ModelCIF file with pLDDT and N, C-alpha, C, O atoms, coordinates in Angstrom:
data_MODEL
#
_entry.id   MODEL 
#
_entity.id                         1 
_entity.type                       polymer 
_entity.pdbx_number_of_molecules   1 
#
_entity_poly.entity_id                      1 
_entity_poly.type                           'polypeptide(L)' 
_entity_poly.nstd_linkage                   no 
_entity_poly.nstd_monomer                   no 
_entity_poly.pdbx_seq_one_letter_code       
;(UNK)(UNK)(UNK)(UNK)(UNK)(UNK)(UNK)(UNK)(UNK)(UNK)(UNK)(UNK)(UNK)(UNK)(UNK)(UNK)
(UNK)(UNK)(UNK)(UNK)(UNK)(UNK)(UNK)(UNK)(UNK)(UNK)(UNK)(UNK)(UNK)(UNK)(UNK)(UNK)
(UNK)(UNK)(UNK)(UNK)(UNK)(UNK)(UNK)(UNK)(UNK)(UNK)(UNK)(UNK)(UNK)(UNK)
;
_entity_poly.pdbx_seq_one_letter_code_can   XXXXXXXXXXXXXXXXXXXXXXXXXXXXXXXXXXXXXXXXXXXXXX 
_entity_poly.pdbx_strand_id                 A 
#
loop_
_entity_poly_seq.entity_id 
_entity_poly_seq.num 
_entity_poly_seq.mon_id 
_entity_poly_seq.hetero 
1 1  UNK n 
1 2  UNK n 
1 3  UNK n 
1 4  UNK n 
1 5  UNK n 
1 6  UNK n 
1 7  UNK n 
1 8  UNK n 
1 9  UNK n 
1 10 UNK n 
1 11 UNK n 
1 12 UNK n 
1 13 UNK n 
1 14 UNK n 
1 15 UNK n 
1 16 UNK n 
1 17 UNK n 
1 18 UNK n 
1 19 UNK n 
1 20 UNK n 
1 21 UNK n 
1 22 UNK n 
1 23 UNK n 
1 24 UNK n 
1 25 UNK n 
1 26 UNK n 
1 27 UNK n 
1 28 UNK n 
1 29 UNK n 
1 30 UNK n 
1 31 UNK n 
1 32 UNK n 
1 33 UNK n 
1 34 UNK n 
1 35 UNK n 
1 36 UNK n 
1 37 UNK n 
1 38 UNK n 
1 39 UNK n 
1 40 UNK n 
1 41 UNK n 
1 42 UNK n 
1 43 UNK n 
1 44 UNK n 
1 45 UNK n 
1 46 UNK n 
#
_struct_asym.id          A 
_struct_asym.entity_id   1 
#
loop_
_ma_qa_metric.id 
_ma_qa_metric.mode 
_ma_qa_metric.name 
_ma_qa_metric.software_group_id 
_ma_qa_metric.type 
1 global pLDDT . pLDDT 
2 local  pLDDT . pLDDT 
#
_ma_qa_metric_global.metric_id      1 
_ma_qa_metric_global.metric_value   93.48 
_ma_qa_metric_global.model_id       1 
_ma_qa_metric_global.ordinal_id     1 
#
loop_
_ma_qa_metric_local.label_asym_id 
_ma_qa_metric_local.label_comp_id 
_ma_qa_metric_local.label_seq_id 
_ma_qa_metric_local.metric_id 
_ma_qa_metric_local.metric_value 
_ma_qa_metric_local.model_id 
_ma_qa_metric_local.ordinal_id 
A UNK 1  2 93.00 1 1  
A UNK 2  2 93.00 1 2  
A UNK 3  2 92.00 1 3  
A UNK 4  2 92.00 1 4  
A UNK 5  2 92.00 1 5  
A UNK 6  2 91.00 1 6  
A UNK 7  2 92.00 1 7  
A UNK 8  2 92.00 1 8  
A UNK 9  2 90.00 1 9  
A UNK 10 2 91.00 1 10 
A UNK 11 2 93.00 1 11 
A UNK 12 2 93.00 1 12 
A UNK 13 2 95.00 1 13 
A UNK 14 2 97.00 1 14 
A UNK 15 2 97.00 1 15 
A UNK 16 2 98.00 1 16 
A UNK 17 2 98.00 1 17 
A UNK 18 2 98.00 1 18 
A UNK 19 2 98.00 1 19 
A UNK 20 2 97.00 1 20 
A UNK 21 2 97.00 1 21 
A UNK 22 2 97.00 1 22 
A UNK 23 2 97.00 1 23 
A UNK 24 2 96.00 1 24 
A UNK 25 2 94.00 1 25 
A UNK 26 2 87.00 1 26 
A UNK 27 2 86.00 1 27 
A UNK 28 2 82.00 1 28 
A UNK 29 2 82.00 1 29 
A UNK 30 2 82.00 1 30 
A UNK 31 2 85.00 1 31 
A UNK 32 2 91.00 1 32 
A UNK 33 2 92.00 1 33 
A UNK 34 2 94.00 1 34 
A UNK 35 2 94.00 1 35 
A UNK 36 2 95.00 1 36 
A UNK 37 2 95.00 1 37 
A UNK 38 2 96.00 1 38 
A UNK 39 2 97.00 1 39 
A UNK 40 2 97.00 1 40 
A UNK 41 2 97.00 1 41 
A UNK 42 2 97.00 1 42 
A UNK 43 2 97.00 1 43 
A UNK 44 2 97.00 1 44 
A UNK 45 2 97.00 1 45 
A UNK 46 2 97.00 1 46 
#
loop_
_atom_site.group_PDB 
_atom_site.id 
_atom_site.type_symbol 
_atom_site.label_atom_id 
_atom_site.label_alt_id 
_atom_site.label_comp_id 
_atom_site.label_asym_id 
_atom_site.label_entity_id 
_atom_site.label_seq_id 
_atom_site.pdbx_PDB_ins_code 
_atom_site.Cartn_x 
_atom_site.Cartn_y 
_atom_site.Cartn_z 
_atom_site.occupancy 
_atom_site.B_iso_or_equiv 
_atom_site.pdbx_formal_charge 
_atom_site.auth_seq_id 
_atom_site.auth_comp_id 
_atom_site.auth_asym_id 
_atom_site.auth_atom_id 
_atom_site.pdbx_PDB_model_num 
ATOM 1   N N  . UNK A 1 1  ? 25.280 53.883 -54.391 1.00 93.00 ? 1  UNK A N  1 
ATOM 2   C CA . UNK A 1 1  ? 23.828 54.015 -54.275 1.00 93.00 ? 1  UNK A CA 1 
ATOM 3   C C  . UNK A 1 1  ? 23.291 53.110 -53.172 1.00 93.00 ? 1  UNK A C  1 
ATOM 4   O O  . UNK A 1 1  ? 22.411 53.513 -52.412 1.00 93.00 ? 1  UNK A O  1 
ATOM 5   N N  . UNK A 1 2  ? 23.814 51.893 -53.079 1.00 93.00 ? 2  UNK A N  1 
ATOM 6   C CA . UNK A 1 2  ? 23.359 50.976 -52.037 1.00 93.00 ? 2  UNK A CA 1 
ATOM 7   C C  . UNK A 1 2  ? 23.633 51.563 -50.645 1.00 93.00 ? 2  UNK A C  1 
ATOM 8   O O  . UNK A 1 2  ? 22.810 51.438 -49.739 1.00 93.00 ? 2  UNK A O  1 
ATOM 9   N N  . UNK A 1 3  ? 24.789 52.199 -50.489 1.00 92.00 ? 3  UNK A N  1 
ATOM 10  C CA . UNK A 1 3  ? 25.121 52.826 -49.208 1.00 92.00 ? 3  UNK A CA 1 
ATOM 11  C C  . UNK A 1 3  ? 24.093 53.894 -48.845 1.00 92.00 ? 3  UNK A C  1 
ATOM 12  O O  . UNK A 1 3  ? 23.702 54.016 -47.684 1.00 92.00 ? 3  UNK A O  1 
ATOM 13  N N  . UNK A 1 4  ? 23.657 54.667 -49.841 1.00 92.00 ? 4  UNK A N  1 
ATOM 14  C CA . UNK A 1 4  ? 22.620 55.674 -49.583 1.00 92.00 ? 4  UNK A CA 1 
ATOM 15  C C  . UNK A 1 4  ? 21.317 55.032 -49.131 1.00 92.00 ? 4  UNK A C  1 
ATOM 16  O O  . UNK A 1 4  ? 20.628 55.568 -48.263 1.00 92.00 ? 4  UNK A O  1 
ATOM 17  N N  . UNK A 1 5  ? 20.978 53.895 -49.710 1.00 92.00 ? 5  UNK A N  1 
ATOM 18  C CA . UNK A 1 5  ? 19.749 53.195 -49.324 1.00 92.00 ? 5  UNK A CA 1 
ATOM 19  C C  . UNK A 1 5  ? 19.765 52.815 -47.852 1.00 92.00 ? 5  UNK A C  1 
ATOM 20  O O  . UNK A 1 5  ? 18.730 52.832 -47.185 1.00 92.00 ? 5  UNK A O  1 
ATOM 21  N N  . UNK A 1 6  ? 20.951 52.472 -47.350 1.00 91.00 ? 6  UNK A N  1 
ATOM 22  C CA . UNK A 1 6  ? 21.079 51.955 -45.987 1.00 91.00 ? 6  UNK A CA 1 
ATOM 23  C C  . UNK A 1 6  ? 21.447 53.025 -44.969 1.00 91.00 ? 6  UNK A C  1 
ATOM 24  O O  . UNK A 1 6  ? 21.344 52.795 -43.764 1.00 91.00 ? 6  UNK A O  1 
ATOM 25  N N  . UNK A 1 7  ? 21.873 54.187 -45.439 1.00 92.00 ? 7  UNK A N  1 
ATOM 26  C CA . UNK A 1 7  ? 22.541 55.172 -44.590 1.00 92.00 ? 7  UNK A CA 1 
ATOM 27  C C  . UNK A 1 7  ? 21.662 55.722 -43.468 1.00 92.00 ? 7  UNK A C  1 
ATOM 28  O O  . UNK A 1 7  ? 22.152 55.989 -42.371 1.00 92.00 ? 7  UNK A O  1 
ATOM 29  N N  . UNK A 1 8  ? 20.369 55.892 -43.737 1.00 92.00 ? 8  UNK A N  1 
ATOM 30  C CA . UNK A 1 8  ? 19.508 56.577 -42.778 1.00 92.00 ? 8  UNK A CA 1 
ATOM 31  C C  . UNK A 1 8  ? 18.481 55.634 -42.145 1.00 92.00 ? 8  UNK A C  1 
ATOM 32  O O  . UNK A 1 8  ? 17.395 56.063 -41.756 1.00 92.00 ? 8  UNK A O  1 
ATOM 33  N N  . UNK A 1 9  ? 18.830 54.353 -42.046 1.00 90.00 ? 9  UNK A N  1 
ATOM 34  C CA . UNK A 1 9  ? 17.895 53.356 -41.524 1.00 90.00 ? 9  UNK A CA 1 
ATOM 35  C C  . UNK A 1 9  ? 17.504 53.628 -40.078 1.00 90.00 ? 9  UNK A C  1 
ATOM 36  O O  . UNK A 1 9  ? 16.447 53.177 -39.636 1.00 90.00 ? 9  UNK A O  1 
ATOM 37  N N  . UNK A 1 10 ? 18.326 54.351 -39.334 1.00 91.00 ? 10 UNK A N  1 
ATOM 38  C CA . UNK A 1 10 ? 18.019 54.642 -37.927 1.00 91.00 ? 10 UNK A CA 1 
ATOM 39  C C  . UNK A 1 10 ? 16.727 55.444 -37.762 1.00 91.00 ? 10 UNK A C  1 
ATOM 40  O O  . UNK A 1 10 ? 16.118 55.420 -36.692 1.00 91.00 ? 10 UNK A O  1 
ATOM 41  N N  . UNK A 1 11 ? 16.302 56.157 -38.818 1.00 93.00 ? 11 UNK A N  1 
ATOM 42  C CA . UNK A 1 11 ? 15.084 56.959 -38.708 1.00 93.00 ? 11 UNK A CA 1 
ATOM 43  C C  . UNK A 1 11 ? 13.821 56.148 -38.985 1.00 93.00 ? 11 UNK A C  1 
ATOM 44  O O  . UNK A 1 11 ? 12.709 56.627 -38.761 1.00 93.00 ? 11 UNK A O  1 
ATOM 45  N N  . UNK A 1 12 ? 13.995 54.927 -39.470 1.00 93.00 ? 12 UNK A N  1 
ATOM 46  C CA . UNK A 1 12 ? 12.879 54.009 -39.689 1.00 93.00 ? 12 UNK A CA 1 
ATOM 47  C C  . UNK A 1 12 ? 11.783 54.628 -40.552 1.00 93.00 ? 12 UNK A C  1 
ATOM 48  O O  . UNK A 1 12 ? 10.594 54.480 -40.270 1.00 93.00 ? 12 UNK A O  1 
ATOM 49  N N  . UNK A 1 13 ? 12.200 55.316 -41.598 1.00 95.00 ? 13 UNK A N  1 
ATOM 50  C CA . UNK A 1 13 ? 11.257 55.890 -42.565 1.00 95.00 ? 13 UNK A CA 1 
ATOM 51  C C  . UNK A 1 13 ? 11.681 55.471 -43.969 1.00 95.00 ? 13 UNK A C  1 
ATOM 52  O O  . UNK A 1 13 ? 12.855 55.185 -44.202 1.00 95.00 ? 13 UNK A O  1 
ATOM 53  N N  . UNK A 1 14 ? 10.735 55.433 -44.904 1.00 97.00 ? 14 UNK A N  1 
ATOM 54  C CA . UNK A 1 14 ? 11.072 55.040 -46.280 1.00 97.00 ? 14 UNK A CA 1 
ATOM 55  C C  . UNK A 1 14 ? 12.007 56.030 -46.961 1.00 97.00 ? 14 UNK A C  1 
ATOM 56  O O  . UNK A 1 14 ? 12.137 57.182 -46.546 1.00 97.00 ? 14 UNK A O  1 
ATOM 57  N N  . UNK A 1 15 ? 12.648 55.553 -48.008 1.00 97.00 ? 15 UNK A N  1 
ATOM 58  C CA . UNK A 1 15 ? 13.503 56.369 -48.865 1.00 97.00 ? 15 UNK A CA 1 
ATOM 59  C C  . UNK A 1 15 ? 12.812 56.536 -50.215 1.00 97.00 ? 15 UNK A C  1 
ATOM 60  O O  . UNK A 1 15 ? 12.328 55.567 -50.800 1.00 97.00 ? 15 UNK A O  1 
ATOM 61  N N  . UNK A 1 16 ? 12.771 57.783 -50.707 1.00 98.00 ? 16 UNK A N  1 
ATOM 62  C CA . UNK A 1 16 ? 12.393 58.046 -52.087 1.00 98.00 ? 16 UNK A CA 1 
ATOM 63  C C  . UNK A 1 16 ? 13.626 58.600 -52.804 1.00 98.00 ? 16 UNK A C  1 
ATOM 64  O O  . UNK A 1 16 ? 14.240 59.560 -52.338 1.00 98.00 ? 16 UNK A O  1 
ATOM 65  N N  . UNK A 1 17 ? 13.982 57.999 -53.925 1.00 98.00 ? 17 UNK A N  1 
ATOM 66  C CA . UNK A 1 17 ? 14.989 58.614 -54.799 1.00 98.00 ? 17 UNK A CA 1 
ATOM 67  C C  . UNK A 1 17 ? 14.229 59.591 -55.681 1.00 98.00 ? 17 UNK A C  1 
ATOM 68  O O  . UNK A 1 17 ? 13.605 59.199 -56.667 1.00 98.00 ? 17 UNK A O  1 
ATOM 69  N N  . UNK A 1 18 ? 14.289 60.866 -55.317 1.00 98.00 ? 18 UNK A N  1 
ATOM 70  C CA . UNK A 1 18 ? 13.365 61.887 -55.818 1.00 98.00 ? 18 UNK A CA 1 
ATOM 71  C C  . UNK A 1 18 ? 13.771 62.500 -57.147 1.00 98.00 ? 18 UNK A C  1 
ATOM 72  O O  . UNK A 1 18 ? 12.917 62.987 -57.888 1.00 98.00 ? 18 UNK A O  1 
ATOM 73  N N  . UNK A 1 19 ? 15.059 62.482 -57.459 1.00 98.00 ? 19 UNK A N  1 
ATOM 74  C CA . UNK A 1 19 ? 15.536 63.123 -58.692 1.00 98.00 ? 19 UNK A CA 1 
ATOM 75  C C  . UNK A 1 19 ? 16.743 62.339 -59.201 1.00 98.00 ? 19 UNK A C  1 
ATOM 76  O O  . UNK A 1 19 ? 17.858 62.516 -58.710 1.00 98.00 ? 19 UNK A O  1 
ATOM 77  N N  . UNK A 1 20 ? 16.516 61.482 -60.178 1.00 97.00 ? 20 UNK A N  1 
ATOM 78  C CA . UNK A 1 20 ? 17.596 60.683 -60.746 1.00 97.00 ? 20 UNK A CA 1 
ATOM 79  C C  . UNK A 1 20 ? 17.898 61.149 -62.164 1.00 97.00 ? 20 UNK A C  1 
ATOM 80  O O  . UNK A 1 20 ? 17.003 61.239 -63.004 1.00 97.00 ? 20 UNK A O  1 
ATOM 81  N N  . UNK A 1 21 ? 19.151 61.439 -62.416 1.00 97.00 ? 21 UNK A N  1 
ATOM 82  C CA . UNK A 1 21 ? 19.608 61.785 -63.769 1.00 97.00 ? 21 UNK A CA 1 
ATOM 83  C C  . UNK A 1 21 ? 20.800 60.925 -64.133 1.00 97.00 ? 21 UNK A C  1 
ATOM 84  O O  . UNK A 1 21 ? 21.812 60.934 -63.432 1.00 97.00 ? 21 UNK A O  1 
ATOM 85  N N  . UNK A 1 22 ? 20.691 60.188 -65.217 1.00 97.00 ? 22 UNK A N  1 
ATOM 86  C CA . UNK A 1 22 ? 21.812 59.459 -65.812 1.00 97.00 ? 22 UNK A CA 1 
ATOM 87  C C  . UNK A 1 22 ? 21.884 59.880 -67.281 1.00 97.00 ? 22 UNK A C  1 
ATOM 88  O O  . UNK A 1 22 ? 20.882 59.811 -67.993 1.00 97.00 ? 22 UNK A O  1 
ATOM 89  N N  . UNK A 1 23 ? 23.046 60.310 -67.734 1.00 97.00 ? 23 UNK A N  1 
ATOM 90  C CA . UNK A 1 23 ? 23.156 60.920 -69.060 1.00 97.00 ? 23 UNK A CA 1 
ATOM 91  C C  . UNK A 1 23 ? 23.450 59.897 -70.142 1.00 97.00 ? 23 UNK A C  1 
ATOM 92  O O  . UNK A 1 23 ? 23.984 58.818 -69.887 1.00 97.00 ? 23 UNK A O  1 
ATOM 93  N N  . UNK A 1 24 ? 23.078 60.278 -71.372 1.00 96.00 ? 24 UNK A N  1 
ATOM 94  C CA . UNK A 1 24 ? 23.345 59.424 -72.543 1.00 96.00 ? 24 UNK A CA 1 
ATOM 95  C C  . UNK A 1 24 ? 24.319 60.100 -73.501 1.00 96.00 ? 24 UNK A C  1 
ATOM 96  O O  . UNK A 1 24 ? 24.294 59.852 -74.707 1.00 96.00 ? 24 UNK A O  1 
ATOM 97  N N  . UNK A 1 25 ? 25.172 60.952 -72.955 1.00 94.00 ? 25 UNK A N  1 
ATOM 98  C CA . UNK A 1 25 ? 26.169 61.633 -73.776 1.00 94.00 ? 25 UNK A CA 1 
ATOM 99  C C  . UNK A 1 25 ? 27.203 62.316 -72.903 1.00 94.00 ? 25 UNK A C  1 
ATOM 100 O O  . UNK A 1 25 ? 26.954 62.590 -71.729 1.00 94.00 ? 25 UNK A O  1 
ATOM 101 N N  . UNK A 1 26 ? 28.373 62.593 -73.482 1.00 87.00 ? 26 UNK A N  1 
ATOM 102 C CA . UNK A 1 26 ? 29.458 63.264 -72.765 1.00 87.00 ? 26 UNK A CA 1 
ATOM 103 C C  . UNK A 1 26 ? 29.603 64.682 -73.308 1.00 87.00 ? 26 UNK A C  1 
ATOM 104 O O  . UNK A 1 26 ? 29.543 64.894 -74.519 1.00 87.00 ? 26 UNK A O  1 
ATOM 105 N N  . UNK A 1 27 ? 29.793 65.647 -72.417 1.00 86.00 ? 27 UNK A N  1 
ATOM 106 C CA . UNK A 1 27 ? 29.902 67.041 -72.832 1.00 86.00 ? 27 UNK A CA 1 
ATOM 107 C C  . UNK A 1 27 ? 31.206 67.287 -73.574 1.00 86.00 ? 27 UNK A C  1 
ATOM 108 O O  . UNK A 1 27 ? 32.278 66.870 -73.137 1.00 86.00 ? 27 UNK A O  1 
ATOM 109 N N  . UNK A 1 28 ? 31.090 67.978 -74.711 1.00 82.00 ? 28 UNK A N  1 
ATOM 110 C CA . UNK A 1 28 ? 32.249 68.341 -75.514 1.00 82.00 ? 28 UNK A CA 1 
ATOM 111 C C  . UNK A 1 28 ? 32.151 69.820 -75.839 1.00 82.00 ? 28 UNK A C  1 
ATOM 112 O O  . UNK A 1 28 ? 31.366 70.221 -76.697 1.00 82.00 ? 28 UNK A O  1 
ATOM 113 N N  . UNK A 1 29 ? 32.951 70.634 -75.151 1.00 82.00 ? 29 UNK A N  1 
ATOM 114 C CA . UNK A 1 29 ? 32.853 72.078 -75.331 1.00 82.00 ? 29 UNK A CA 1 
ATOM 115 C C  . UNK A 1 29 ? 31.498 72.564 -74.857 1.00 82.00 ? 29 UNK A C  1 
ATOM 116 O O  . UNK A 1 29 ? 31.105 72.319 -73.716 1.00 82.00 ? 29 UNK A O  1 
ATOM 117 N N  . UNK A 1 30 ? 30.783 73.254 -75.738 1.00 82.00 ? 30 UNK A N  1 
ATOM 118 C CA . UNK A 1 30 ? 29.440 73.714 -75.401 1.00 82.00 ? 30 UNK A CA 1 
ATOM 119 C C  . UNK A 1 30 ? 28.362 72.727 -75.814 1.00 82.00 ? 30 UNK A C  1 
ATOM 120 O O  . UNK A 1 30 ? 27.179 72.960 -75.566 1.00 82.00 ? 30 UNK A O  1 
ATOM 121 N N  . UNK A 1 31 ? 28.760 71.620 -76.443 1.00 85.00 ? 31 UNK A N  1 
ATOM 122 C CA . UNK A 1 31 ? 27.790 70.636 -76.925 1.00 85.00 ? 31 UNK A CA 1 
ATOM 123 C C  . UNK A 1 31 ? 27.649 69.501 -75.925 1.00 85.00 ? 31 UNK A C  1 
ATOM 124 O O  . UNK A 1 31 ? 28.629 68.990 -75.383 1.00 85.00 ? 31 UNK A O  1 
ATOM 125 N N  . UNK A 1 32 ? 26.413 69.132 -75.701 1.00 91.00 ? 32 UNK A N  1 
ATOM 126 C CA . UNK A 1 32 ? 26.109 68.047 -74.770 1.00 91.00 ? 32 UNK A CA 1 
ATOM 127 C C  . UNK A 1 32 ? 24.937 67.284 -75.356 1.00 91.00 ? 32 UNK A C  1 
ATOM 128 O O  . UNK A 1 32 ? 23.785 67.478 -74.969 1.00 91.00 ? 32 UNK A O  1 
ATOM 129 N N  . UNK A 1 33 ? 25.261 66.410 -76.302 1.00 92.00 ? 33 UNK A N  1 
ATOM 130 C CA . UNK A 1 33 ? 24.220 65.710 -77.045 1.00 92.00 ? 33 UNK A CA 1 
ATOM 131 C C  . UNK A 1 33 ? 24.247 64.215 -76.753 1.00 92.00 ? 33 UNK A C  1 
ATOM 132 O O  . UNK A 1 33 ? 25.275 63.653 -76.376 1.00 92.00 ? 33 UNK A O  1 
ATOM 133 N N  . UNK A 1 34 ? 23.095 63.592 -76.936 1.00 94.00 ? 34 UNK A N  1 
ATOM 134 C CA . UNK A 1 34 ? 22.998 62.148 -76.794 1.00 94.00 ? 34 UNK A CA 1 
ATOM 135 C C  . UNK A 1 34 ? 23.729 61.464 -77.952 1.00 94.00 ? 34 UNK A C  1 
ATOM 136 O O  . UNK A 1 34 ? 23.698 61.945 -79.084 1.00 94.00 ? 34 UNK A O  1 
ATOM 137 N N  . UNK A 1 35 ? 24.387 60.340 -77.660 1.00 94.00 ? 35 UNK A N  1 
ATOM 138 C CA . UNK A 1 35 ? 25.089 59.571 -78.683 1.00 94.00 ? 35 UNK A CA 1 
ATOM 139 C C  . UNK A 1 35 ? 24.619 58.115 -78.632 1.00 94.00 ? 35 UNK A C  1 
ATOM 140 O O  . UNK A 1 35 ? 24.013 57.680 -77.653 1.00 94.00 ? 35 UNK A O  1 
ATOM 141 N N  . UNK A 1 36 ? 24.908 57.371 -79.704 1.00 95.00 ? 36 UNK A N  1 
ATOM 142 C CA . UNK A 1 36 ? 24.510 55.957 -79.753 1.00 95.00 ? 36 UNK A CA 1 
ATOM 143 C C  . UNK A 1 36 ? 25.144 55.183 -78.607 1.00 95.00 ? 36 UNK A C  1 
ATOM 144 O O  . UNK A 1 36 ? 24.455 54.457 -77.891 1.00 95.00 ? 36 UNK A O  1 
ATOM 145 N N  . UNK A 1 37 ? 26.459 55.333 -78.430 1.00 95.00 ? 37 UNK A N  1 
ATOM 146 C CA . UNK A 1 37 ? 27.138 54.619 -77.345 1.00 95.00 ? 37 UNK A CA 1 
ATOM 147 C C  . UNK A 1 37 ? 26.659 55.126 -75.988 1.00 95.00 ? 37 UNK A C  1 
ATOM 148 O O  . UNK A 1 37 ? 26.499 54.351 -75.045 1.00 95.00 ? 37 UNK A O  1 
ATOM 149 N N  . UNK A 1 38 ? 26.435 56.432 -75.901 1.00 96.00 ? 38 UNK A N  1 
ATOM 150 C CA . UNK A 1 38 ? 25.937 56.996 -74.647 1.00 96.00 ? 38 UNK A CA 1 
ATOM 151 C C  . UNK A 1 38 ? 24.581 56.417 -74.263 1.00 96.00 ? 38 UNK A C  1 
ATOM 152 O O  . UNK A 1 38 ? 24.319 56.173 -73.085 1.00 96.00 ? 38 UNK A O  1 
ATOM 153 N N  . UNK A 1 39 ? 23.724 56.197 -75.250 1.00 97.00 ? 39 UNK A N  1 
ATOM 154 C CA . UNK A 1 39 ? 22.409 55.630 -74.979 1.00 97.00 ? 39 UNK A CA 1 
ATOM 155 C C  . UNK A 1 39 ? 22.507 54.168 -74.547 1.00 97.00 ? 39 UNK A C  1 
ATOM 156 O O  . UNK A 1 39 ? 21.725 53.715 -73.711 1.00 97.00 ? 39 UNK A O  1 
ATOM 157 N N  . UNK A 1 40 ? 23.444 53.443 -75.101 1.00 97.00 ? 40 UNK A N  1 
ATOM 158 C CA . UNK A 1 40 ? 23.666 52.052 -74.671 1.00 97.00 ? 40 UNK A CA 1 
ATOM 159 C C  . UNK A 1 40 ? 24.163 52.022 -73.224 1.00 97.00 ? 40 UNK A C  1 
ATOM 160 O O  . UNK A 1 40 ? 23.691 51.229 -72.410 1.00 97.00 ? 40 UNK A O  1 
ATOM 161 N N  . UNK A 1 41 ? 25.126 52.902 -72.918 1.00 97.00 ? 41 UNK A N  1 
ATOM 162 C CA . UNK A 1 41 ? 25.654 52.964 -71.553 1.00 97.00 ? 41 UNK A CA 1 
ATOM 163 C C  . UNK A 1 41 ? 24.561 53.390 -70.565 1.00 97.00 ? 41 UNK A C  1 
ATOM 164 O O  . UNK A 1 41 ? 24.441 52.819 -69.481 1.00 97.00 ? 41 UNK A O  1 
ATOM 165 N N  . UNK A 1 42 ? 23.777 54.385 -70.942 1.00 97.00 ? 42 UNK A N  1 
ATOM 166 C CA . UNK A 1 42 ? 22.690 54.851 -70.076 1.00 97.00 ? 42 UNK A CA 1 
ATOM 167 C C  . UNK A 1 42 ? 21.716 53.716 -69.769 1.00 97.00 ? 42 UNK A C  1 
ATOM 168 O O  . UNK A 1 42 ? 21.278 53.560 -68.629 1.00 97.00 ? 42 UNK A O  1 
ATOM 169 N N  . UNK A 1 43 ? 21.379 52.927 -70.786 1.00 97.00 ? 43 UNK A N  1 
ATOM 170 C CA . UNK A 1 43 ? 20.431 51.825 -70.593 1.00 97.00 ? 43 UNK A CA 1 
ATOM 171 C C  . UNK A 1 43 ? 20.987 50.779 -69.638 1.00 97.00 ? 43 UNK A C  1 
ATOM 172 O O  . UNK A 1 43 ? 20.256 50.273 -68.787 1.00 97.00 ? 43 UNK A O  1 
ATOM 173 N N  . UNK A 1 44 ? 22.264 50.449 -69.765 1.00 97.00 ? 44 UNK A N  1 
ATOM 174 C CA . UNK A 1 44 ? 22.886 49.491 -68.850 1.00 97.00 ? 44 UNK A CA 1 
ATOM 175 C C  . UNK A 1 44 ? 22.833 50.006 -67.413 1.00 97.00 ? 44 UNK A C  1 
ATOM 176 O O  . UNK A 1 44 ? 22.534 49.258 -66.482 1.00 97.00 ? 44 UNK A O  1 
ATOM 177 N N  . UNK A 1 45 ? 23.125 51.281 -67.252 1.00 97.00 ? 45 UNK A N  1 
ATOM 178 C CA . UNK A 1 45 ? 23.151 51.866 -65.916 1.00 97.00 ? 45 UNK A CA 1 
ATOM 179 C C  . UNK A 1 45 ? 21.741 51.968 -65.322 1.00 97.00 ? 45 UNK A C  1 
ATOM 180 O O  . UNK A 1 45 ? 21.547 51.785 -64.121 1.00 97.00 ? 45 UNK A O  1 
ATOM 181 N N  . UNK A 1 46 ? 20.774 52.259 -66.174 1.00 97.00 ? 46 UNK A N  1 
ATOM 182 C CA . UNK A 1 46 ? 19.384 52.283 -65.712 1.00 97.00 ? 46 UNK A CA 1 
ATOM 183 C C  . UNK A 1 46 ? 18.960 50.901 -65.215 1.00 97.00 ? 46 UNK A C  1 
ATOM 184 O O  . UNK A 1 46 ? 17.821 50.722 -64.786 1.00 97.00 ? 46 UNK A O  1 
#
């Protein structure tokens, strides 16, 4: 992520991170639900 922040500095314009998704669960078959551990991991990453 830090590399992305710095990557386009030559254009001298601001960066907006326009669409951020970090999940709180791991997909299992057709189910993709939030879990207690997933929510803890998501919070740390946020």
